[in-house]
Amino acid sequence: MNIKTGTVEELAEMLRGCDDDADSHVVWVAFNGEVHIDQRAVFESTNPTEEYYSKTRLKNIDGIKRFGWDEHDHWVKGKMEYRDQNLGTNKFMFQFETLCQGNGYCGKDGAKDAAWVKRLLAMLKADYDQGTIGFTQFA
């Protein structure tokens, strides 16, 4: 599913395909807009983790949330290059907060909760449109 054209039904189908009892899941979006839902262990083995962003913080630049700034508002070399080099690719752009195992956010229970799926889709679209890089959570 691509976040640019994705529907509530498509996202619900993705959530339905997850096993909520097997592991926590990470919903993440690539620079090209493709939405992924991976078990946490799979995600952490193939994508930048919090460690990648641990030395930087979020800064609002022209209304867009961006990582790459230290505590003194100095740009940290390397963080923005990652974004610039990967625009338009299927590489990691941002992740939504982890959907913890057994809480019903994914699997059959998550998929049938229409209000939850609609809210999740709206939050993912908003973060994609704002150019969020790194980590995002419930608004």
C-alpha atoms as a PDB file:
ATOM      1  CA  MET A   1       0.000   0.000   0.000  1.00  0.00           C
ATOM      2  CA  ASN A   2       1.238   3.475  -0.771  1.00  0.00           C
ATOM      3  CA  ILE A   3       0.429   6.212   1.735  1.00  0.00           C
ATOM      4  CA  LYS A   4      -0.276   8.669  -1.082  1.00  0.00           C
ATOM      5  CA  THR A   5      -3.277   6.677  -2.346  1.00  0.00           C
ATOM      6  CA  GLY A   6      -3.906   4.129   0.420  1.00  0.00           C
ATOM      7  CA  THR A   7      -7.348   3.453   1.832  1.00  0.00           C
ATOM      8  CA  VAL A   8      -8.671   2.405   5.217  1.00  0.00           C
ATOM      9  CA  GLU A   9      -9.560  -0.970   3.704  1.00  0.00           C
ATOM     10  CA  GLU A  10      -6.014  -1.536   2.421  1.00  0.00           C
ATOM     11  CA  LEU A  11      -4.475  -0.664   5.781  1.00  0.00           C
ATOM     12  CA  ALA A  12      -6.988  -2.903   7.579  1.00  0.00           C
ATOM     13  CA  GLU A  13      -5.964  -5.770   5.296  1.00  0.00           C
ATOM     14  CA  MET A  14      -2.299  -5.186   6.144  1.00  0.00           C
ATOM     15  CA  LEU A  15      -3.104  -5.198   9.866  1.00  0.00           C
ATOM     16  CA  ARG A  16      -5.199  -8.352   9.458  1.00  0.00           C
ATOM     17  CA  GLY A  17      -2.149 -10.143   8.071  1.00  0.00           C
ATOM     18  CA  CYS A  18      -0.189  -9.601  11.302  1.00  0.00           C
ATOM     19  CA  ASP A  19      -0.072 -12.061  14.195  1.00  0.00           C
ATOM     20  CA  ASP A  20      -0.606  -9.930  17.304  1.00  0.00           C
ATOM     21  CA  ASP A  21       0.329 -12.859  19.551  1.00  0.00           C
ATOM     22  CA  ALA A  22       3.669 -13.563  17.845  1.00  0.00           C
ATOM     23  CA  ASP A  23       5.488 -10.269  18.406  1.00  0.00           C
ATOM     24  CA  SER A  24       5.110  -6.507  18.611  1.00  0.00           C
ATOM     25  CA  HIS A  25       4.874  -4.830  15.206  1.00  0.00           C
ATOM     26  CA  VAL A  26       6.351  -1.690  13.671  1.00  0.00           C
ATOM     27  CA  VAL A  27       4.485   0.313  11.053  1.00  0.00           C
ATOM     28  CA  TRP A  28       6.975   2.210   8.922  1.00  0.00           C
ATOM     29  CA  VAL A  29       6.869   4.295   5.777  1.00  0.00           C
ATOM     30  CA  ALA A  30       9.511   4.481   3.060  1.00  0.00           C
ATOM     31  CA  PHE A  31      10.530   7.620   1.210  1.00  0.00           C
ATOM     32  CA  ASN A  32       8.503   6.495  -1.819  1.00  0.00           C
ATOM     33  CA  GLY A  33       5.365   6.248   0.353  1.00  0.00           C
ATOM     34  CA  GLU A  34       5.199   2.466   0.666  1.00  0.00           C
ATOM     35  CA  VAL A  35       3.782   1.403   4.027  1.00  0.00           C
ATOM     36  CA  HIS A  36       5.267  -1.633   5.769  1.00  0.00           C
ATOM     37  CA  ILE A  37       4.252  -3.545   8.888  1.00  0.00           C
ATOM     38  CA  ASP A  38       6.997  -5.805  10.235  1.00  0.00           C
ATOM     39  CA  GLN A  39       7.415  -7.831  13.364  1.00  0.00           C
ATOM     40  CA  ARG A  40       9.694  -5.837  15.650  1.00  0.00           C
ATOM     41  CA  ALA A  41      12.577  -8.307  15.404  1.00  0.00           C
ATOM     42  CA  VAL A  42      12.508  -8.193  11.594  1.00  0.00           C
ATOM     43  CA  PHE A  43      12.273  -4.399  11.520  1.00  0.00           C
ATOM     44  CA  GLU A  44      15.179  -3.899  13.910  1.00  0.00           C
ATOM     45  CA  SER A  45      17.433  -6.174  11.874  1.00  0.00           C
ATOM     46  CA  THR A  46      16.878  -4.293   8.606  1.00  0.00           C
ATOM     47  CA  ASN A  47      16.259  -0.588   9.365  1.00  0.00           C
ATOM     48  CA  PRO A  48      17.757   2.340  11.244  1.00  0.00           C
ATOM     49  CA  THR A  49      16.836   2.101  14.899  1.00  0.00           C
ATOM     50  CA  GLU A  50      16.490   4.674  17.638  1.00  0.00           C
ATOM     51  CA  GLU A  51      20.284   4.511  17.971  1.00  0.00           C
ATOM     52  CA  TYR A  52      20.537   6.096  14.507  1.00  0.00           C
ATOM     53  CA  TYR A  53      18.666   9.131  15.788  1.00  0.00           C
ATOM     54  CA  SER A  54      19.776   9.041  19.428  1.00  0.00           C
ATOM     55  CA  LYS A  55      22.275  11.894  19.128  1.00  0.00           C
ATOM     56  CA  THR A  56      19.903  14.220  17.352  1.00  0.00           C
ATOM     57  CA  ARG A  57      16.569  15.773  18.095  1.00  0.00           C
ATOM     58  CA  LEU A  58      13.560  17.018  16.218  1.00  0.00           C
ATOM     59  CA  LYS A  59      13.491  20.554  14.941  1.00  0.00           C
ATOM     60  CA  ASN A  60      10.681  22.304  13.092  1.00  0.00           C
ATOM     61  CA  ILE A  61      12.065  23.821   9.904  1.00  0.00           C
ATOM     62  CA  ASP A  62       9.592  25.711   7.753  1.00  0.00           C
ATOM     63  CA  GLY A  63       6.762  23.709   9.292  1.00  0.00           C
ATOM     64  CA  ILE A  64       8.416  20.344   8.613  1.00  0.00           C
ATOM     65  CA  LYS A  65       9.621  18.094  11.434  1.00  0.00           C
ATOM     66  CA  ARG A  66      13.238  17.052  10.807  1.00  0.00           C
ATOM     67  CA  PHE A  67      15.808  15.114  12.761  1.00  0.00           C
ATOM     68  CA  GLY A  68      19.435  16.095  12.608  1.00  0.00           C
ATOM     69  CA  TRP A  69      19.944  18.860  15.163  1.00  0.00           C
ATOM     70  CA  ASP A  70      21.944  18.651  18.372  1.00  0.00           C
ATOM     71  CA  GLU A  71      21.029  20.249  21.682  1.00  0.00           C
ATOM     72  CA  HIS A  72      22.636  23.539  20.569  1.00  0.00           C
ATOM     73  CA  ASP A  73      20.672  23.676  17.271  1.00  0.00           C
ATOM     74  CA  HIS A  74      23.752  22.724  15.272  1.00  0.00           C
ATOM     75  CA  TRP A  75      23.170  20.459  12.300  1.00  0.00           C
ATOM     76  CA  VAL A  76      24.657  16.986  12.793  1.00  0.00           C
ATOM     77  CA  LYS A  77      26.372  15.899   9.589  1.00  0.00           C
ATOM     78  CA  GLY A  78      25.099  12.647   8.191  1.00  0.00           C
ATOM     79  CA  LYS A  79      21.473  12.750   9.274  1.00  0.00           C
ATOM     80  CA  MET A  80      20.079  14.955   6.521  1.00  0.00           C
ATOM     81  CA  GLU A  81      22.293  13.292   3.905  1.00  0.00           C
ATOM     82  CA  TYR A  82      20.451  10.061   4.682  1.00  0.00           C
ATOM     83  CA  ARG A  83      17.173  11.773   3.807  1.00  0.00           C
ATOM     84  CA  ASP A  84      18.522  13.484   0.717  1.00  0.00           C
ATOM     85  CA  GLN A  85      20.153  10.325  -0.632  1.00  0.00           C
ATOM     86  CA  ASN A  86      17.036   8.221  -0.157  1.00  0.00           C
ATOM     87  CA  LEU A  87      14.215  10.456  -1.372  1.00  0.00           C
ATOM     88  CA  GLY A  88      12.015   8.476  -3.740  1.00  0.00           C
ATOM     89  CA  THR A  89      13.364   5.103  -2.618  1.00  0.00           C
ATOM     90  CA  ASN A  90      11.863   2.227  -0.665  1.00  0.00           C
ATOM     91  CA  LYS A  91      14.226   2.938   2.240  1.00  0.00           C
ATOM     92  CA  PHE A  92      13.123   3.853   5.756  1.00  0.00           C
ATOM     93  CA  MET A  93      11.707   7.366   6.224  1.00  0.00           C
ATOM     94  CA  PHE A  94       9.849   7.124   9.539  1.00  0.00           C
ATOM     95  CA  GLN A  95       8.319   4.623  11.889  1.00  0.00           C
ATOM     96  CA  PHE A  96       5.163   4.853  13.938  1.00  0.00           C
ATOM     97  CA  GLU A  97       5.399   3.922  17.606  1.00  0.00           C
ATOM     98  CA  THR A  98       5.565   0.167  18.215  1.00  0.00           C
ATOM     99  CA  LEU A  99       2.258  -1.700  18.286  1.00  0.00           C
ATOM    100  CA  CYS A 100       2.867  -3.811  21.381  1.00  0.00           C
ATOM    101  CA  GLN A 101       2.191  -7.515  21.267  1.00  0.00           C
ATOM    102  CA  GLY A 102      -1.222  -8.642  22.504  1.00  0.00           C
ATOM    103  CA  ASN A 103      -2.833  -5.181  22.671  1.00  0.00           C
ATOM    104  CA  GLY A 104      -5.142  -5.675  19.700  1.00  0.00           C
ATOM    105  CA  TYR A 105      -3.658  -2.962  17.475  1.00  0.00           C
ATOM    106  CA  CYS A 106      -2.917  -5.449  14.700  1.00  0.00           C
ATOM    107  CA  GLY A 107      -4.181  -8.844  13.643  1.00  0.00           C
ATOM    108  CA  LYS A 108      -7.902  -9.524  13.312  1.00  0.00           C
ATOM    109  CA  ASP A 109      -8.853  -7.304  16.273  1.00  0.00           C
ATOM    110  CA  GLY A 110      -6.932  -4.294  14.991  1.00  0.00           C
ATOM    111  CA  ALA A 111      -8.229  -4.734  11.452  1.00  0.00           C
ATOM    112  CA  LYS A 112     -11.881  -4.774  12.489  1.00  0.00           C
ATOM    113  CA  ASP A 113     -11.588  -1.598  14.601  1.00  0.00           C
ATOM    114  CA  ALA A 114     -12.535   0.859  11.850  1.00  0.00           C
ATOM    115  CA  ALA A 115     -11.973   3.950  14.027  1.00  0.00           C
ATOM    116  CA  TRP A 116      -8.431   2.801  14.921  1.00  0.00           C
ATOM    117  CA  VAL A 117      -7.508   2.017  11.290  1.00  0.00           C
ATOM    118  CA  LYS A 118      -8.877   5.358  10.085  1.00  0.00           C
ATOM    119  CA  ARG A 119      -6.939   7.217  12.787  1.00  0.00           C
ATOM    120  CA  LEU A 120      -3.706   5.333  12.036  1.00  0.00           C
ATOM    121  CA  LEU A 121      -4.009   6.056   8.313  1.00  0.00           C
ATOM    122  CA  ALA A 122      -4.650   9.754   8.965  1.00  0.00           C
ATOM    123  CA  MET A 123      -1.604   9.996  11.270  1.00  0.00           C
ATOM    124  CA  LEU A 124       0.665   8.201   8.789  1.00  0.00           C
ATOM    125  CA  LYS A 125      -0.502  10.435   5.927  1.00  0.00           C
ATOM    126  CA  ALA A 126       0.013  13.574   8.016  1.00  0.00           C
ATOM    127  CA  ASP A 127       3.547  12.572   8.986  1.00  0.00           C
ATOM    128  CA  TYR A 128       4.413  11.636   5.408  1.00  0.00           C
ATOM    129  CA  ASP A 129       3.068  14.948   4.106  1.00  0.00           C
ATOM    130  CA  GLN A 130       5.060  16.837   6.772  1.00  0.00           C
ATOM    131  CA  GLY A 131       8.282  15.044   5.814  1.00  0.00           C
ATOM    132  CA  THR A 132       8.767  13.405   9.216  1.00  0.00           C
ATOM    133  CA  ILE A 133      12.070  11.551   9.506  1.00  0.00           C
ATOM    134  CA  GLY A 134      12.738   8.985  12.240  1.00  0.00           C
ATOM    135  CA  PHE A 135      10.042   8.310  14.796  1.00  0.00           C
ATOM    136  CA  THR A 136       6.458   9.427  15.236  1.00  0.00           C
ATOM    137  CA  GLN A 137       3.736   8.532  17.732  1.00  0.00           C
ATOM    138  CA  PHE A 138       0.073   8.960  18.557  1.00  0.00           C
ATOM    139  CA  ALA A 139      -0.935  12.582  18.226  1.00  0.00           C
END
